[in-house]
Amino acid sequence: CVASRAGAAQRQALQALHDRLEKQVRQRDAFFATNEQFHMALVIDEYGGVSGLIAARKLSGLMDELISGIFVHSLAVEGPGPANGEHGEARLALAATGGYGRGTLAPFSDIDLLFLTEAEPDERTLRVVEYMLYFLWDLGLKVGHATRSVAECLSEGAKDVTIRTALLDARHISGDQSLFEEFHQHLRTACAEAGAGD
């Protein structure tokens, strides 16, 4: 009967949802384990004679790998977005800023991230950002973050020298690299015109 078929379909949908959530939990736990492992590796290196600067650079590199993996996972979880002009989906790049952008990171310090968009972020982009931030918070990381379009970055940087300095230190981690390079070129040009070049 119709009710029986509907009930069977509902059970199948629930099972599919359960399987998807279970897979996400396993992936999250794997990231937890990785996070603990590379912090322990740094402790071992420190006692083995590695300098603080080298340890900070190693931690930054390991954090890049972790965050890049979570970013790719977040995009996959949310699925493809709607077509948006010649580039297809809405363009999104992930960059490190501040000290992390300079390629050094002290153990347990803040992770400063910039989610860079070409224009006003669409709903799918905001979901990707939200999913990723919750994932990072679940890992126990302290995350400073901003979601800005290229135009917003240039506007905010022109008004606030602290923001401008953080953006100048920005370093691409994952996502649309050409978008990041376009942004960085525009920023450097704007800084040079304002008398704040290299």
Protein backbone atom coordinates (compact mmCIF):
# COMPACT_ATOMS: atom_id res chain seq x y z
CA CYS A 1 0.00 0.00 0.00
CA VAL A 2 0.99 3.65 -0.29
CA ALA A 3 1.57 4.06 3.46
CA SER A 4 3.85 1.02 3.52
CA ARG A 5 5.94 2.29 0.62
CA ALA A 6 6.16 5.74 2.19
CA GLY A 7 7.29 4.22 5.49
CA ALA A 8 9.96 2.16 3.74
CA ALA A 9 11.21 5.24 1.89
CA GLN A 10 11.35 7.19 5.13
CA ARG A 11 13.37 4.46 6.83
CA GLN A 12 15.80 4.38 3.91
CA ALA A 13 16.22 8.16 4.08
CA LEU A 14 16.86 8.01 7.82
CA GLN A 15 19.42 5.24 7.35
CA ALA A 16 21.20 7.26 4.67
CA LEU A 17 21.27 10.28 7.00
CA HIS A 18 22.61 8.12 9.84
CA ASP A 19 25.36 6.71 7.60
CA ARG A 20 26.35 10.21 6.47
CA LEU A 21 26.52 11.55 10.03
CA GLU A 22 28.47 8.51 11.20
CA LYS A 23 31.02 9.06 8.42
CA GLN A 24 31.38 12.73 9.39
CA VAL A 25 31.97 11.77 13.04
CA ARG A 26 34.71 9.33 12.01
CA GLN A 27 36.36 12.04 9.90
CA ARG A 28 36.13 14.53 12.76
CA ASP A 29 37.68 12.04 15.20
CA ALA A 30 40.52 11.40 12.74
CA PHE A 31 41.24 15.14 12.70
CA PHE A 32 41.19 15.20 16.51
CA ALA A 33 43.82 12.46 16.55
CA THR A 34 45.96 14.31 14.00
CA ASN A 35 45.75 17.51 16.01
CA GLU A 36 46.99 15.78 19.15
CA GLN A 37 49.75 13.98 17.26
CA PHE A 38 51.36 17.06 15.77
CA HIS A 39 51.27 18.95 19.08
CA MET A 40 52.99 16.00 20.75
CA ALA A 41 55.55 15.90 17.91
CA LEU A 42 56.40 19.54 18.58
CA VAL A 43 56.90 18.86 22.28
CA ILE A 44 59.27 16.01 21.44
CA ASP A 45 61.17 18.19 18.96
CA GLU A 46 61.47 21.01 21.47
CA TYR A 47 63.05 18.75 24.06
CA GLY A 48 65.24 17.33 21.31
CA GLY A 49 66.82 20.72 20.66
CA VAL A 50 64.68 22.28 17.90
CA SER A 51 64.61 26.10 18.15
CA GLY A 52 61.41 27.98 18.90
CA LEU A 53 61.32 29.56 15.42
CA ILE A 54 61.69 26.22 13.65
CA ALA A 55 59.00 24.72 15.88
CA ALA A 56 56.68 27.65 15.10
CA ARG A 57 57.22 27.17 11.37
CA LYS A 58 56.62 23.44 11.65
CA LEU A 59 53.40 24.01 13.56
CA SER A 60 52.25 26.54 10.96
CA GLY A 61 52.88 24.01 8.17
CA LEU A 62 51.06 21.25 10.01
CA MET A 63 48.16 23.59 10.77
CA ASP A 64 47.98 24.45 7.06
CA GLU A 65 47.50 20.77 6.24
CA LEU A 66 44.85 20.32 8.92
CA ILE A 67 42.88 23.43 7.98
CA SER A 68 43.13 22.72 4.25
CA GLY A 69 41.74 19.23 4.85
CA ILE A 70 38.84 20.56 6.90
CA PHE A 71 38.13 23.20 4.25
CA VAL A 72 37.94 20.60 1.47
CA HIS A 73 35.76 18.41 3.70
CA SER A 74 33.43 21.35 4.45
CA LEU A 75 32.98 22.06 0.74
CA ALA A 76 32.19 18.39 0.10
CA VAL A 77 29.66 18.22 2.95
CA GLU A 78 27.75 21.24 1.65
CA GLY A 79 27.83 19.98 -1.94
CA PRO A 80 28.21 22.02 -5.13
CA GLY A 81 26.80 25.52 -5.19
CA PRO A 82 24.74 27.19 -7.92
CA ALA A 83 26.47 28.40 -11.08
CA ASN A 84 27.79 31.94 -10.74
CA GLY A 85 29.14 33.54 -13.92
CA GLU A 86 32.13 32.30 -15.90
CA HIS A 87 33.80 30.67 -12.86
CA GLY A 88 30.86 28.36 -12.12
CA GLU A 89 30.32 28.24 -8.35
CA ALA A 90 30.77 31.30 -6.15
CA ARG A 91 34.50 31.83 -5.70
CA LEU A 92 35.93 31.23 -2.22
CA ALA A 93 39.52 31.31 -0.98
CA LEU A 94 40.86 30.58 2.49
CA ALA A 95 43.83 32.57 3.77
CA ALA A 96 45.87 32.80 6.97
CA THR A 97 46.39 36.29 8.40
CA GLY A 98 48.45 37.89 11.17
CA GLY A 99 51.34 35.92 12.59
CA TYR A 100 49.91 32.72 11.16
CA GLY A 101 49.89 34.42 7.76
CA ARG A 102 53.63 35.02 8.17
CA GLY A 103 54.13 31.27 8.51
CA THR A 104 54.81 31.03 12.24
CA LEU A 105 52.48 29.72 14.93
CA ALA A 106 53.08 29.25 18.65
CA PRO A 107 51.45 26.19 20.26
CA PHE A 108 47.81 26.82 21.23
CA SER A 109 47.81 30.38 19.88
CA ASP A 110 44.91 31.86 17.89
CA ILE A 111 44.36 30.81 14.29
CA ASP A 112 43.49 33.89 12.22
CA LEU A 113 41.59 33.08 9.03
CA LEU A 114 40.14 35.08 6.16
CA PHE A 115 37.34 33.59 4.06
CA LEU A 116 37.71 35.61 0.87
CA THR A 117 34.88 35.94 -1.64
CA GLU A 118 34.62 37.68 -4.98
CA ALA A 119 31.32 39.35 -4.06
CA GLU A 120 28.71 39.18 -1.30
CA PRO A 121 28.79 35.55 -0.05
CA ASP A 122 25.85 33.36 -1.03
CA GLU A 123 24.02 31.03 1.38
CA ARG A 124 26.10 28.00 0.45
CA THR A 125 29.36 29.89 1.13
CA LEU A 126 28.08 31.00 4.53
CA ARG A 127 27.14 27.39 5.35
CA VAL A 128 30.64 26.22 4.39
CA VAL A 129 32.20 28.87 6.65
CA GLU A 130 29.88 28.02 9.54
CA TYR A 131 30.49 24.26 9.23
CA MET A 132 34.25 24.75 9.15
CA LEU A 133 34.31 27.12 12.14
CA TYR A 134 32.29 24.70 14.29
CA PHE A 135 34.67 21.91 13.26
CA LEU A 136 37.70 23.96 14.31
CA TRP A 137 36.05 24.95 17.61
CA ASP A 138 35.27 21.28 18.27
CA LEU A 139 39.00 20.63 17.89
CA GLY A 140 39.61 23.11 20.71
CA LEU A 141 41.24 25.71 18.46
CA LYS A 142 40.88 29.44 19.09
CA VAL A 143 39.89 30.95 15.77
CA GLY A 144 39.86 34.60 14.73
CA HIS A 145 37.95 34.89 11.47
CA ALA A 146 36.45 37.24 8.93
CA THR A 147 34.37 36.62 5.81
CA ARG A 148 34.90 39.46 3.37
CA SER A 149 34.70 40.17 -0.35
CA VAL A 150 37.72 41.61 -2.13
CA ALA A 151 36.04 45.04 -2.18
CA GLU A 152 35.31 44.86 1.57
CA CYS A 153 38.93 43.94 2.32
CA LEU A 154 40.19 46.93 0.35
CA SER A 155 37.66 49.24 1.99
CA GLU A 156 38.39 48.05 5.55
CA GLY A 157 42.13 48.11 4.95
CA ALA A 158 41.96 51.71 3.75
CA LYS A 159 40.23 52.75 6.99
CA ASP A 160 42.27 50.77 9.53
CA VAL A 161 46.05 50.31 9.44
CA THR A 162 45.82 47.24 11.73
CA ILE A 163 43.50 45.49 9.28
CA ARG A 164 45.68 46.60 6.37
CA THR A 165 48.79 45.12 8.01
CA ALA A 166 47.00 41.83 8.73
CA LEU A 167 45.81 41.66 5.10
CA LEU A 168 49.31 42.38 3.77
CA ASP A 169 50.51 39.36 5.78
CA ALA A 170 47.72 37.18 4.35
CA ARG A 171 48.82 33.85 2.86
CA HIS A 172 46.74 31.52 0.71
CA ILE A 173 45.96 28.14 2.30
CA SER A 174 43.24 26.58 0.16
CA GLY A 175 40.44 27.32 -2.26
CA ASP A 176 40.50 29.69 -5.23
CA GLN A 177 44.15 30.73 -5.53
CA SER A 178 43.58 33.03 -8.50
CA LEU A 179 40.99 34.98 -6.48
CA PHE A 180 43.50 35.39 -3.65
CA GLU A 181 46.21 36.55 -6.04
CA GLU A 182 43.84 39.09 -7.59
CA PHE A 183 42.98 40.38 -4.13
CA HIS A 184 46.61 40.62 -3.05
CA GLN A 185 47.57 42.51 -6.20
CA HIS A 186 44.72 45.00 -5.69
CA LEU A 187 45.73 45.42 -2.03
CA ARG A 188 49.38 46.07 -2.78
CA THR A 189 48.42 48.57 -5.46
CA ALA A 190 46.07 50.38 -3.06
CA CYS A 191 48.77 50.44 -0.35
CA ALA A 192 51.37 51.79 -2.78
CA GLU A 193 48.98 54.54 -3.90
CA ALA A 194 48.35 55.42 -0.26
CA GLY A 195 52.10 55.58 0.45
CA ALA A 196 52.28 52.23 2.25
CA GLY A 197 54.07 50.00 -0.21
CA ASP A 198 56.58 47.26 0.52
